[in-house]
Amino acid sequence: MRPNVSLPRLTPEEKLVVDKEESPTTVIDYFYRLRIKTNYVDSSMFTDGPENDQQSIQVREDLNIIAGGNLLLAELTVRNIVSHDVFFKWINDWVRTNAPNYPTSAIRDRLQIYNQM
């Protein structure tokens, strides 16, 4: 027969201590968990390669969306910290010296939007 043991309950003070010692969860934590899951569960895309060209294209598009979304969030955060004029100058200078002159460049496209704000 199993003993009847209740679950441990933290006091409010103990909860505060745990909350102070625990770091906030970020999108990087999420990506790390995805990476670990990929290593153990579904790594074939990265270890064996794509099964076909369409699968490869889809993974590339998905990674572009994830990276682009994170860059946009970072840019908006910086813009909220510094003035719009400073941010716009930084982006404009960076695009002028670093962004490729392709017909479409994500940051070049966003620069036009930032200019209208």
PDB file of N, CA and C in Angstrom:
ATOM      1  N   MET A   1       0.833  -1.172   0.000  1.00  0.00           N
ATOM      2  CA  MET A   1       0.000   0.000   0.000  1.00  0.00           C
ATOM      3  C   MET A   1       0.888   1.250   0.000  1.00  0.00           C
ATOM      4  N   ARG A   2       0.548   2.186  -0.912  1.00  0.00           N
ATOM      5  CA  ARG A   2       1.316   3.433  -1.018  1.00  0.00           C
ATOM      6  C   ARG A   2       0.896   4.409   0.061  1.00  0.00           C
ATOM      7  N   PRO A   3       1.878   5.087   0.659  1.00  0.00           N
ATOM      8  CA  PRO A   3       1.504   6.089   1.668  1.00  0.00           C
ATOM      9  C   PRO A   3       0.845   7.290   0.998  1.00  0.00           C
ATOM     10  N   ASN A   4      -0.052   7.915   1.704  1.00  0.00           N
ATOM     11  CA  ASN A   4      -0.748   9.090   1.206  1.00  0.00           C
ATOM     12  C   ASN A   4       0.090  10.326   1.539  1.00  0.00           C
ATOM     13  N   VAL A   5       0.811  10.839   0.526  1.00  0.00           N
ATOM     14  CA  VAL A   5       1.696  11.982   0.727  1.00  0.00           C
ATOM     15  C   VAL A   5       1.172  13.138  -0.116  1.00  0.00           C
ATOM     16  N   SER A   6       0.976  14.265   0.510  1.00  0.00           N
ATOM     17  CA  SER A   6       0.479  15.422  -0.231  1.00  0.00           C
ATOM     18  C   SER A   6       1.635  16.103  -0.975  1.00  0.00           C
ATOM     19  N   LEU A   7       1.270  16.855  -1.987  1.00  0.00           N
ATOM     20  CA  LEU A   7       2.265  17.598  -2.753  1.00  0.00           C
ATOM     21  C   LEU A   7       2.846  18.713  -1.895  1.00  0.00           C
ATOM     22  N   PRO A   8       4.135  19.003  -2.056  1.00  0.00           N
ATOM     23  CA  PRO A   8       4.723  20.101  -1.276  1.00  0.00           C
ATOM     24  C   PRO A   8       4.147  21.442  -1.736  1.00  0.00           C
ATOM     25  N   ARG A   9       3.868  22.281  -0.792  1.00  0.00           N
ATOM     26  CA  ARG A   9       3.350  23.622  -1.089  1.00  0.00           C
ATOM     27  C   ARG A   9       4.339  24.650  -0.565  1.00  0.00           C
ATOM     28  N   LEU A  10       4.675  25.621  -1.418  1.00  0.00           N
ATOM     29  CA  LEU A  10       5.580  26.688  -1.004  1.00  0.00           C
ATOM     30  C   LEU A  10       4.805  27.772  -0.278  1.00  0.00           C
ATOM     31  N   THR A  11       5.456  28.345   0.697  1.00  0.00           N
ATOM     32  CA  THR A  11       4.867  29.499   1.374  1.00  0.00           C
ATOM     33  C   THR A  11       5.015  30.713   0.454  1.00  0.00           C
ATOM     34  N   PRO A  12       4.255  31.771   0.697  1.00  0.00           N
ATOM     35  CA  PRO A  12       4.416  32.976  -0.134  1.00  0.00           C
ATOM     36  C   PRO A  12       5.851  33.499  -0.136  1.00  0.00           C
ATOM     37  N   GLU A  13       6.533  33.418   1.016  1.00  0.00           N
ATOM     38  CA  GLU A  13       7.922  33.883   1.088  1.00  0.00           C
ATOM     39  C   GLU A  13       8.839  33.006   0.230  1.00  0.00           C
ATOM     40  N   GLU A  14       8.610  31.692   0.280  1.00  0.00           N
ATOM     41  CA  GLU A  14       9.415  30.763  -0.530  1.00  0.00           C
ATOM     42  C   GLU A  14       9.183  31.007  -2.018  1.00  0.00           C
ATOM     43  N   LYS A  15       7.942  31.310  -2.389  1.00  0.00           N
ATOM     44  CA  LYS A  15       7.638  31.607  -3.798  1.00  0.00           C
ATOM     45  C   LYS A  15       8.387  32.846  -4.262  1.00  0.00           C
ATOM     46  N   LEU A  16       8.465  33.874  -3.410  1.00  0.00           N
ATOM     47  CA  LEU A  16       9.203  35.092  -3.764  1.00  0.00           C
ATOM     48  C   LEU A  16      10.680  34.795  -3.979  1.00  0.00           C
ATOM     49  N   VAL A  17      11.260  33.962  -3.133  1.00  0.00           N
ATOM     50  CA  VAL A  17      12.671  33.595  -3.271  1.00  0.00           C
ATOM     51  C   VAL A  17      12.889  32.868  -4.601  1.00  0.00           C
ATOM     52  N   VAL A  18      12.027  31.923  -4.918  1.00  0.00           N
ATOM     53  CA  VAL A  18      12.153  31.174  -6.177  1.00  0.00           C
ATOM     54  C   VAL A  18      12.006  32.113  -7.364  1.00  0.00           C
ATOM     55  N   ASP A  19      11.016  33.011  -7.319  1.00  0.00           N
ATOM     56  CA  ASP A  19      10.802  33.953  -8.420  1.00  0.00           C
ATOM     57  C   ASP A  19      12.009  34.854  -8.642  1.00  0.00           C
ATOM     58  N   LYS A  20      12.655  35.278  -7.543  1.00  0.00           N
ATOM     59  CA  LYS A  20      13.829  36.142  -7.682  1.00  0.00           C
ATOM     60  C   LYS A  20      15.014  35.413  -8.283  1.00  0.00           C
ATOM     61  N   GLU A  21      15.140  34.125  -8.003  1.00  0.00           N
ATOM     62  CA  GLU A  21      16.280  33.348  -8.481  1.00  0.00           C
ATOM     63  C   GLU A  21      16.073  32.799  -9.896  1.00  0.00           C
ATOM     64  N   GLU A  22      14.853  32.784 -10.359  1.00  0.00           N
ATOM     65  CA  GLU A  22      14.540  32.231 -11.669  1.00  0.00           C
ATOM     66  C   GLU A  22      14.659  33.314 -12.736  1.00  0.00           C
ATOM     67  N   SER A  23      15.375  32.992 -13.805  1.00  0.00           N
ATOM     68  CA  SER A  23      15.518  33.972 -14.882  1.00  0.00           C
ATOM     69  C   SER A  23      14.262  33.978 -15.750  1.00  0.00           C
ATOM     70  N   PRO A  24      13.960  35.102 -16.396  1.00  0.00           N
ATOM     71  CA  PRO A  24      12.775  35.160 -17.254  1.00  0.00           C
ATOM     72  C   PRO A  24      12.949  34.267 -18.481  1.00  0.00           C
ATOM     73  N   THR A  25      11.849  33.735 -18.967  1.00  0.00           N
ATOM     74  CA  THR A  25      11.878  32.907 -20.166  1.00  0.00           C
ATOM     75  C   THR A  25      11.800  33.812 -21.383  1.00  0.00           C
ATOM     76  N   THR A  26      12.681  33.578 -22.344  1.00  0.00           N
ATOM     77  CA  THR A  26      12.744  34.401 -23.543  1.00  0.00           C
ATOM     78  C   THR A  26      12.555  33.544 -24.783  1.00  0.00           C
ATOM     79  N   VAL A  27      12.516  34.196 -25.924  1.00  0.00           N
ATOM     80  CA  VAL A  27      12.406  33.475 -27.184  1.00  0.00           C
ATOM     81  C   VAL A  27      13.658  32.611 -27.414  1.00  0.00           C
ATOM     82  N   ILE A  28      14.794  33.020 -26.870  1.00  0.00           N
ATOM     83  CA  ILE A  28      16.009  32.213 -26.983  1.00  0.00           C
ATOM     84  C   ILE A  28      15.824  30.888 -26.254  1.00  0.00           C
ATOM     85  N   ASP A  29      15.164  30.911 -25.082  1.00  0.00           N
ATOM     86  CA  ASP A  29      14.865  29.666 -24.373  1.00  0.00           C
ATOM     87  C   ASP A  29      13.995  28.758 -25.229  1.00  0.00           C
ATOM     88  N   TYR A  30      13.021  29.346 -25.906  1.00  0.00           N
ATOM     89  CA  TYR A  30      12.142  28.577 -26.785  1.00  0.00           C
ATOM     90  C   TYR A  30      12.947  27.939 -27.920  1.00  0.00           C
ATOM     91  N   PHE A  31      13.819  28.712 -28.547  1.00  0.00           N
ATOM     92  CA  PHE A  31      14.636  28.168 -29.629  1.00  0.00           C
ATOM     93  C   PHE A  31      15.559  27.058 -29.123  1.00  0.00           C
ATOM     94  N   TYR A  32      16.078  27.221 -27.917  1.00  0.00           N
ATOM     95  CA  TYR A  32      16.937  26.183 -27.340  1.00  0.00           C
ATOM     96  C   TYR A  32      16.142  24.889 -27.150  1.00  0.00           C
ATOM     97  N   ARG A  33      14.911  25.015 -26.627  1.00  0.00           N
ATOM     98  CA  ARG A  33      14.081  23.815 -26.460  1.00  0.00           C
ATOM     99  C   ARG A  33      13.776  23.180 -27.807  1.00  0.00           C
ATOM    100  N   LEU A  34      13.518  24.006 -28.825  1.00  0.00           N
ATOM    101  CA  LEU A  34      13.289  23.450 -30.163  1.00  0.00           C
ATOM    102  C   LEU A  34      14.528  22.726 -30.673  1.00  0.00           C
ATOM    103  N   ARG A  35      15.695  23.307 -30.409  1.00  0.00           N
ATOM    104  CA  ARG A  35      16.942  22.686 -30.841  1.00  0.00           C
ATOM    105  C   ARG A  35      17.135  21.339 -30.163  1.00  0.00           C
ATOM    106  N   ILE A  36      16.904  21.274 -28.860  1.00  0.00           N
ATOM    107  CA  ILE A  36      17.047  20.019 -28.127  1.00  0.00           C
ATOM    108  C   ILE A  36      16.049  19.000 -28.669  1.00  0.00           C
ATOM    109  N   LYS A  37      14.816  19.422 -28.877  1.00  0.00           N
ATOM    110  CA  LYS A  37      13.809  18.509 -29.415  1.00  0.00           C
ATOM    111  C   LYS A  37      14.239  18.014 -30.787  1.00  0.00           C
ATOM    112  N   THR A  38      14.769  18.908 -31.597  1.00  0.00           N
ATOM    113  CA  THR A  38      15.221  18.521 -32.925  1.00  0.00           C
ATOM    114  C   THR A  38      16.348  17.503 -32.838  1.00  0.00           C
ATOM    115  N   ASN A  39      17.257  17.699 -31.879  1.00  0.00           N
ATOM    116  CA  ASN A  39      18.373  16.764 -31.746  1.00  0.00           C
ATOM    117  C   ASN A  39      17.900  15.358 -31.421  1.00  0.00           C
ATOM    118  N   TYR A  40      16.803  15.236 -30.664  1.00  0.00           N
ATOM    119  CA  TYR A  40      16.392  13.918 -30.217  1.00  0.00           C
ATOM    120  C   TYR A  40      15.186  13.354 -30.951  1.00  0.00           C
ATOM    121  N   VAL A  41      14.343  14.184 -31.486  1.00  0.00           N
ATOM    122  CA  VAL A  41      13.098  13.703 -32.044  1.00  0.00           C
ATOM    123  C   VAL A  41      13.074  13.767 -33.571  1.00  0.00           C
ATOM    124  N   ASP A  42      13.374  14.922 -34.121  1.00  0.00           N
ATOM    125  CA  ASP A  42      13.166  15.114 -35.557  1.00  0.00           C
ATOM    126  C   ASP A  42      14.360  15.810 -36.183  1.00  0.00           C
ATOM    127  N   SER A  43      15.491  15.184 -36.131  1.00  0.00           N
ATOM    128  CA  SER A  43      16.703  15.823 -36.640  1.00  0.00           C
ATOM    129  C   SER A  43      17.004  15.472 -38.091  1.00  0.00           C
ATOM    130  N   SER A  44      16.188  14.669 -38.718  1.00  0.00           N
ATOM    131  CA  SER A  44      16.512  14.190 -40.068  1.00  0.00           C
ATOM    132  C   SER A  44      16.710  15.329 -41.071  1.00  0.00           C
ATOM    133  N   MET A  45      15.959  16.422 -40.947  1.00  0.00           N
ATOM    134  CA  MET A  45      16.122  17.544 -41.872  1.00  0.00           C
ATOM    135  C   MET A  45      17.541  18.093 -41.801  1.00  0.00           C
ATOM    136  N   PHE A  46      18.108  18.136 -40.589  1.00  0.00           N
ATOM    137  CA  PHE A  46      19.416  18.741 -40.402  1.00  0.00           C
ATOM    138  C   PHE A  46      20.550  17.737 -40.500  1.00  0.00           C
ATOM    139  N   THR A  47      20.270  16.457 -40.258  1.00  0.00           N
ATOM    140  CA  THR A  47      21.338  15.457 -40.328  1.00  0.00           C
ATOM    141  C   THR A  47      21.397  14.773 -41.682  1.00  0.00           C
ATOM    142  N   ASP A  48      20.229  14.463 -42.264  1.00  0.00           N
ATOM    143  CA  ASP A  48      20.180  13.746 -43.546  1.00  0.00           C
ATOM    144  C   ASP A  48      19.910  14.668 -44.726  1.00  0.00           C
ATOM    145  N   GLY A  49      19.465  15.862 -44.446  1.00  0.00           N
ATOM    146  CA  GLY A  49      19.115  16.780 -45.521  1.00  0.00           C
ATOM    147  C   GLY A  49      17.649  16.647 -45.883  1.00  0.00           C
ATOM    148  N   PRO A  50      17.152  17.549 -46.707  1.00  0.00           N
ATOM    149  CA  PRO A  50      15.734  17.521 -47.078  1.00  0.00           C
ATOM    150  C   PRO A  50      15.423  16.328 -47.989  1.00  0.00           C
ATOM    151  N   GLU A  51      14.182  15.897 -47.914  1.00  0.00           N
ATOM    152  CA  GLU A  51      13.750  14.788 -48.776  1.00  0.00           C
ATOM    153  C   GLU A  51      13.553  15.265 -50.209  1.00  0.00           C
ATOM    154  N   ASN A  52      13.216  16.547 -50.384  1.00  0.00           N
ATOM    155  CA  ASN A  52      13.025  17.101 -51.723  1.00  0.00           C
ATOM    156  C   ASN A  52      13.282  18.607 -51.683  1.00  0.00           C
ATOM    157  N   ASP A  53      13.307  19.207 -52.862  1.00  0.00           N
ATOM    158  CA  ASP A  53      13.591  20.640 -52.945  1.00  0.00           C
ATOM    159  C   ASP A  53      12.529  21.482 -52.244  1.00  0.00           C
ATOM    160  N   GLN A  54      11.266  21.056 -52.340  1.00  0.00           N
ATOM    161  CA  GLN A  54      10.187  21.833 -51.722  1.00  0.00           C
ATOM    162  C   GLN A  54      10.350  21.884 -50.208  1.00  0.00           C
ATOM    163  N   GLN A  55      10.755  20.780 -49.601  1.00  0.00           N
ATOM    164  CA  GLN A  55      10.974  20.757 -48.159  1.00  0.00           C
ATOM    165  C   GLN A  55      12.110  21.711 -47.775  1.00  0.00           C
ATOM    166  N   SER A  56      13.152  21.735 -48.567  1.00  0.00           N
ATOM    167  CA  SER A  56      14.275  22.636 -48.307  1.00  0.00           C
ATOM    168  C   SER A  56      13.842  24.097 -48.413  1.00  0.00           C
ATOM    169  N   ILE A  57      13.064  24.413 -49.417  1.00  0.00           N
ATOM    170  CA  ILE A  57      12.557  25.775 -49.607  1.00  0.00           C
ATOM    171  C   ILE A  57      11.672  26.184 -48.434  1.00  0.00           C
ATOM    172  N   GLN A  58      10.821  25.274 -47.971  1.00  0.00           N
ATOM    173  CA  GLN A  58       9.924  25.586 -46.862  1.00  0.00           C
ATOM    174  C   GLN A  58      10.696  25.862 -45.576  1.00  0.00           C
ATOM    175  N   VAL A  59      11.719  25.058 -45.288  1.00  0.00           N
ATOM    176  CA  VAL A  59      12.526  25.276 -44.087  1.00  0.00           C
ATOM    177  C   VAL A  59      13.234  26.624 -44.176  1.00  0.00           C
ATOM    178  N   ARG A  60      13.776  26.952 -45.337  1.00  0.00           N
ATOM    179  CA  ARG A  60      14.453  28.242 -45.513  1.00  0.00           C
ATOM    180  C   ARG A  60      13.481  29.395 -45.295  1.00  0.00           C
ATOM    181  N   GLU A  61      12.281  29.295 -45.847  1.00  0.00           N
ATOM    182  CA  GLU A  61      11.287  30.351 -45.663  1.00  0.00           C
ATOM    183  C   GLU A  61      10.889  30.487 -44.194  1.00  0.00           C
ATOM    184  N   ASP A  62      10.709  29.361 -43.508  1.00  0.00           N
ATOM    185  CA  ASP A  62      10.337  29.399 -42.095  1.00  0.00           C
ATOM    186  C   ASP A  62      11.442  30.041 -41.255  1.00  0.00           C
ATOM    187  N   LEU A  63      12.694  29.681 -41.526  1.00  0.00           N
ATOM    188  CA  LEU A  63      13.806  30.278 -40.792  1.00  0.00           C
ATOM    189  C   LEU A  63      13.924  31.775 -41.078  1.00  0.00           C
ATOM    190  N   ASN A  64      13.643  32.188 -42.315  1.00  0.00           N
ATOM    191  CA  ASN A  64      13.643  33.620 -42.646  1.00  0.00           C
ATOM    192  C   ASN A  64      12.569  34.371 -41.868  1.00  0.00           C
ATOM    193  N   ILE A  65      11.406  33.762 -41.738  1.00  0.00           N
ATOM    194  CA  ILE A  65      10.312  34.403 -40.995  1.00  0.00           C
ATOM    195  C   ILE A  65      10.687  34.544 -39.524  1.00  0.00           C
ATOM    196  N   ILE A  66      11.258  33.494 -38.942  1.00  0.00           N
ATOM    197  CA  ILE A  66      11.662  33.548 -37.529  1.00  0.00           C
ATOM    198  C   ILE A  66      12.735  34.615 -37.328  1.00  0.00           C
ATOM    199  N   ALA A  67      13.756  34.602 -38.168  1.00  0.00           N
ATOM    200  CA  ALA A  67      14.842  35.579 -38.028  1.00  0.00           C
ATOM    201  C   ALA A  67      14.331  36.997 -38.260  1.00  0.00           C
ATOM    202  N   GLY A  68      13.523  37.189 -39.292  1.00  0.00           N
ATOM    203  CA  GLY A  68      12.991  38.518 -39.598  1.00  0.00           C
ATOM    204  C   GLY A  68      12.118  39.053 -38.479  1.00  0.00           C
ATOM    205  N   GLY A  69      11.285  38.202 -37.897  1.00  0.00           N
ATOM    206  CA  GLY A  69      10.439  38.623 -36.793  1.00  0.00           C
ATOM    207  C   GLY A  69      11.255  39.046 -35.580  1.00  0.00           C
ATOM    208  N   ASN A  70      12.299  38.284 -35.288  1.00  0.00           N
ATOM    209  CA  ASN A  70      13.160  38.639 -34.153  1.00  0.00           C
ATOM    210  C   ASN A  70      13.910  39.942 -34.407  1.00  0.00           C
ATOM    211  N   LEU A  71      14.375  40.140 -35.631  1.00  0.00           N
ATOM    212  CA  LEU A  71      15.060  41.395 -35.950  1.00  0.00           C
ATOM    213  C   LEU A  71      14.109  42.580 -35.843  1.00  0.00           C
ATOM    214  N   LEU A  72      12.891  42.410 -36.320  1.00  0.00           N
ATOM    215  CA  LEU A  72      11.909  43.487 -36.231  1.00  0.00           C
ATOM    216  C   LEU A  72      11.627  43.842 -34.776  1.00  0.00           C
ATOM    217  N   LEU A  73      11.458  42.834 -33.928  1.00  0.00           N
ATOM    218  CA  LEU A  73      11.228  43.105 -32.504  1.00  0.00           C
ATOM    219  C   LEU A  73      12.414  43.841 -31.891  1.00  0.00           C
ATOM    220  N   ALA A  74      13.622  43.431 -32.244  1.00  0.00           N
ATOM    221  CA  ALA A  74      14.809  44.099 -31.713  1.00  0.00           C
ATOM    222  C   ALA A  74      14.865  45.545 -32.194  1.00  0.00           C
ATOM    223  N   GLU A  75      14.573  45.771 -33.472  1.00  0.00           N
ATOM    224  CA  GLU A  75      14.598  47.129 -34.013  1.00  0.00           C
ATOM    225  C   GLU A  75      13.561  48.015 -33.326  1.00  0.00           C
ATOM    226  N   LEU A  76      12.360  47.485 -33.116  1.00  0.00           N
ATOM    227  CA  LEU A  76      11.320  48.281 -32.472  1.00  0.00           C
ATOM    228  C   LEU A  76      11.680  48.591 -31.014  1.00  0.00           C
ATOM    229  N   THR A  77      12.331  47.653 -30.361  1.00  0.00           N
ATOM    230  CA  THR A  77      12.770  47.890 -28.985  1.00  0.00           C
ATOM    231  C   THR A  77      13.805  49.007 -28.939  1.00  0.00           C
ATOM    232  N   VAL A  78      14.782  48.943 -29.845  1.00  0.00           N
ATOM    233  CA  VAL A  78      15.808  49.998 -29.889  1.00  0.00           C
ATOM    234  C   VAL A  78      15.178  51.338 -30.229  1.00  0.00           C
ATOM    235  N   ARG A  79      14.252  51.338 -31.170  1.00  0.00           N
ATOM    236  CA  ARG A  79      13.593  52.592 -31.555  1.00  0.00           C
ATOM    237  C   ARG A  79      12.847  53.212 -30.378  1.00  0.00           C
ATOM    238  N   ASN A  80      12.285  52.374 -29.513  1.00  0.00           N
ATOM    239  CA  ASN A  80      11.581  52.894 -28.338  1.00  0.00           C
ATOM    240  C   ASN A  80      12.535  53.420 -27.277  1.00  0.00           C
ATOM    241  N   ILE A  81      13.781  52.957 -27.297  1.00  0.00           N
ATOM    242  CA  ILE A  81      14.765  53.404 -26.312  1.00  0.00           C
ATOM    243  C   ILE A  81      15.402  54.724 -26.736  1.00  0.00           C
ATOM    244  N   VAL A  82      15.767  54.830 -28.005  1.00  0.00           N
ATOM    245  CA  VAL A  82      16.376  56.062 -28.516  1.00  0.00           C
ATOM    246  C   VAL A  82      15.311  56.841 -29.275  1.00  0.00           C
ATOM    247  N   SER A  83      15.616  58.049 -29.655  1.00  0.00           N
ATOM    248  CA  SER A  83      14.640  58.838 -30.406  1.00  0.00           C
ATOM    249  C   SER A  83      14.492  58.281 -31.826  1.00  0.00           C
ATOM    250  N   HIS A  84      13.357  58.613 -32.437  1.00  0.00           N
ATOM    251  CA  HIS A  84      13.105  58.151 -33.801  1.00  0.00           C
ATOM    252  C   HIS A  84      14.192  58.646 -34.757  1.00  0.00           C
ATOM    253  N   ASP A  85      14.605  59.898 -34.593  1.00  0.00           N
ATOM    254  CA  ASP A  85      15.610  60.464 -35.492  1.00  0.00           C
ATOM    255  C   ASP A  85      16.951  59.730 -35.377  1.00  0.00           C
ATOM    256  N   VAL A  86      17.361  59.421 -34.158  1.00  0.00           N
ATOM    257  CA  VAL A  86      18.618  58.694 -33.958  1.00  0.00           C
ATOM    258  C   VAL A  86      18.508  57.297 -34.562  1.00  0.00           C
ATOM    259  N   PHE A  87      17.397  56.633 -34.274  1.00  0.00           N
ATOM    260  CA  PHE A  87      17.188  55.286 -34.810  1.00  0.00           C
ATOM    261  C   PHE A  87      17.197  55.296 -36.336  1.00  0.00           C
ATOM    262  N   PHE A  88      16.475  56.239 -36.923  1.00  0.00           N
ATOM    263  CA  PHE A  88      16.410  56.316 -38.379  1.00  0.00           C
ATOM    264  C   PHE A  88      17.797  56.572 -38.970  1.00  0.00           C
ATOM    265  N   LYS A  89      18.593  57.409 -38.346  1.00  0.00           N
ATOM    266  CA  LYS A  89      19.953  57.669 -38.821  1.00  0.00           C
ATOM    267  C   LYS A  89      20.803  56.403 -38.743  1.00  0.00           C
ATOM    268  N   TRP A  90      20.711  55.682 -37.610  1.00  0.00           N
ATOM    269  CA  TRP A  90      21.484  54.441 -37.463  1.00  0.00           C
ATOM    270  C   TRP A  90      21.115  53.434 -38.541  1.00  0.00           C
ATOM    271  N   ILE A  91      19.816  53.252 -38.754  1.00  0.00           N
ATOM    272  CA  ILE A  91      19.372  52.280 -39.766  1.00  0.00           C
ATOM    273  C   ILE A  91      19.821  52.724 -41.157  1.00  0.00           C
ATOM    274  N   ASN A  92      19.651  53.997 -41.453  1.00  0.00           N
ATOM    275  CA  ASN A  92      20.030  54.520 -42.767  1.00  0.00           C
ATOM    276  C   ASN A  92      21.534  54.342 -43.006  1.00  0.00           C
ATOM    277  N   ASP A  93      22.354  54.664 -41.999  1.00  0.00           N
ATOM    278  CA  ASP A  93      23.807  54.484 -42.131  1.00  0.00           C
ATOM    279  C   ASP A  93      24.159  53.017 -42.332  1.00  0.00           C
ATOM    280  N   TRP A  94      23.511  52.145 -41.581  1.00  0.00           N
ATOM    281  CA  TRP A  94      23.813  50.711 -41.685  1.00  0.00           C
ATOM    282  C   TRP A  94      23.422  50.186 -43.070  1.00  0.00           C
ATOM    283  N   VAL A  95      22.249  50.563 -43.549  1.00  0.00           N
ATOM    284  CA  VAL A  95      21.794  50.103 -44.870  1.00  0.00           C
ATOM    285  C   VAL A  95      22.749  50.588 -45.953  1.00  0.00           C
ATOM    286  N   ARG A  96      23.179  51.841 -45.851  1.00  0.00           N
ATOM    287  CA  ARG A  96      24.063  52.409 -46.863  1.00  0.00           C
ATOM    288  C   ARG A  96      25.382  51.633 -46.952  1.00  0.00           C
ATOM    289  N   THR A  97      25.904  51.161 -45.817  1.00  0.00           N
ATOM    290  CA  THR A  97      27.221  50.509 -45.828  1.00  0.00           C
ATOM    291  C   THR A  97      27.161  48.981 -45.807  1.00  0.00           C
ATOM    292  N   ASN A  98      26.027  48.370 -45.431  1.00  0.00           N
ATOM    293  CA  ASN A  98      25.997  46.920 -45.247  1.00  0.00           C
ATOM    294  C   ASN A  98      24.955  46.159 -46.054  1.00  0.00           C
ATOM    295  N   ALA A  99      23.814  46.757 -46.310  1.00  0.00           N
ATOM    296  CA  ALA A  99      22.727  46.021 -46.958  1.00  0.00           C
ATOM    297  C   ALA A  99      23.027  45.825 -48.441  1.00  0.00           C
ATOM    298  N   PRO A 100      22.737  44.647 -48.962  1.00  0.00           N
ATOM    299  CA  PRO A 100      22.961  44.413 -50.388  1.00  0.00           C
ATOM    300  C   PRO A 100      22.031  45.260 -51.241  1.00  0.00           C
ATOM    301  N   ASN A 101      22.440  45.510 -52.455  1.00  0.00           N
ATOM    302  CA  ASN A 101      21.647  46.328 -53.367  1.00  0.00           C
ATOM    303  C   ASN A 101      20.697  45.477 -54.195  1.00  0.00           C
ATOM    304  N   TYR A 102      20.124  44.460 -53.569  1.00  0.00           N
ATOM    305  CA  TYR A 102      19.152  43.622 -54.269  1.00  0.00           C
ATOM    306  C   TYR A 102      17.865  44.420 -54.439  1.00  0.00           C
ATOM    307  N   PRO A 103      17.038  44.001 -55.372  1.00  0.00           N
ATOM    308  CA  PRO A 103      15.750  44.697 -55.516  1.00  0.00           C
ATOM    309  C   PRO A 103      14.939  44.677 -54.220  1.00  0.00           C
ATOM    310  N   THR A 104      15.075  43.590 -53.452  1.00  0.00           N
ATOM    311  CA  THR A 104      14.358  43.497 -52.189  1.00  0.00           C
ATOM    312  C   THR A 104      15.349  43.164 -51.086  1.00  0.00           C
ATOM    313  N   SER A 105      15.352  43.965 -50.071  1.00  0.00           N
ATOM    314  CA  SER A 105      16.161  43.724 -48.883  1.00  0.00           C
ATOM    315  C   SER A 105      15.266  44.057 -47.704  1.00  0.00           C
ATOM    316  N   ALA A 106      15.095  43.124 -46.782  1.00  0.00           N
ATOM    317  CA  ALA A 106      14.124  43.305 -45.696  1.00  0.00           C
ATOM    318  C   ALA A 106      14.369  44.595 -44.924  1.00  0.00           C
ATOM    319  N   ILE A 107      15.605  44.841 -44.556  1.00  0.00           N
ATOM    320  CA  ILE A 107      15.867  46.049 -43.767  1.00  0.00           C
ATOM    321  C   ILE A 107      15.719  47.305 -44.621  1.00  0.00           C
ATOM    322  N   ARG A 108      16.064  47.212 -45.906  1.00  0.00           N
ATOM    323  CA  ARG A 108      15.874  48.357 -46.804  1.00  0.00           C
ATOM    324  C   ARG A 108      14.373  48.649 -46.947  1.00  0.00           C
ATOM    325  N   ASP A 109      13.562  47.602 -47.024  1.00  0.00           N
ATOM    326  CA  ASP A 109      12.112  47.786 -47.119  1.00  0.00           C
ATOM    327  C   ASP A 109      11.563  48.410 -45.837  1.00  0.00           C
ATOM    328  N   ARG A 110      12.055  47.940 -44.676  1.00  0.00           N
ATOM    329  CA  ARG A 110      11.596  48.505 -43.406  1.00  0.00           C
ATOM    330  C   ARG A 110      12.058  49.948 -43.256  1.00  0.00           C
ATOM    331  N   LEU A 111      13.188  50.291 -43.822  1.00  0.00           N
ATOM    332  CA  LEU A 111      13.696  51.664 -43.744  1.00  0.00           C
ATOM    333  C   LEU A 111      12.685  52.627 -44.358  1.00  0.00           C
ATOM    334  N   GLN A 112      12.067  52.225 -45.446  1.00  0.00           N
ATOM    335  CA  GLN A 112      11.043  53.079 -46.059  1.00  0.00           C
ATOM    336  C   GLN A 112       9.848  53.260 -45.116  1.00  0.00           C
ATOM    337  N   ILE A 113       9.487  52.205 -44.397  1.00  0.00           N
ATOM    338  CA  ILE A 113       8.386  52.299 -43.436  1.00  0.00           C
ATOM    339  C   ILE A 113       8.778  53.195 -42.270  1.00  0.00           C
ATOM    340  N   TYR A 114       9.999  53.005 -41.764  1.00  0.00           N
ATOM    341  CA  TYR A 114      10.470  53.845 -40.649  1.00  0.00           C
ATOM    342  C   TYR A 114      10.511  55.312 -41.071  1.00  0.00           C
ATOM    343  N   ASN A 115      10.824  55.597 -42.320  1.00  0.00           N
ATOM    344  CA  ASN A 115      10.891  56.967 -42.817  1.00  0.00           C
ATOM    345  C   ASN A 115       9.504  57.622 -42.784  1.00  0.00           C
ATOM    346  N   GLN A 116       8.463  56.828 -42.948  1.00  0.00           N
ATOM    347  CA  GLN A 116       7.093  57.360 -42.971  1.00  0.00           C
ATOM    348  C   GLN A 116       6.528  57.558 -41.574  1.00  0.00           C
ATOM    349  N   MET A 117       7.177  57.009 -40.553  1.00  0.00           N
ATOM    350  CA  MET A 117       6.654  57.105 -39.179  1.00  0.00           C
ATOM    351  C   MET A 117       6.941  58.462 -38.585  1.00  0.00           C
TER     352      MET A 117
END
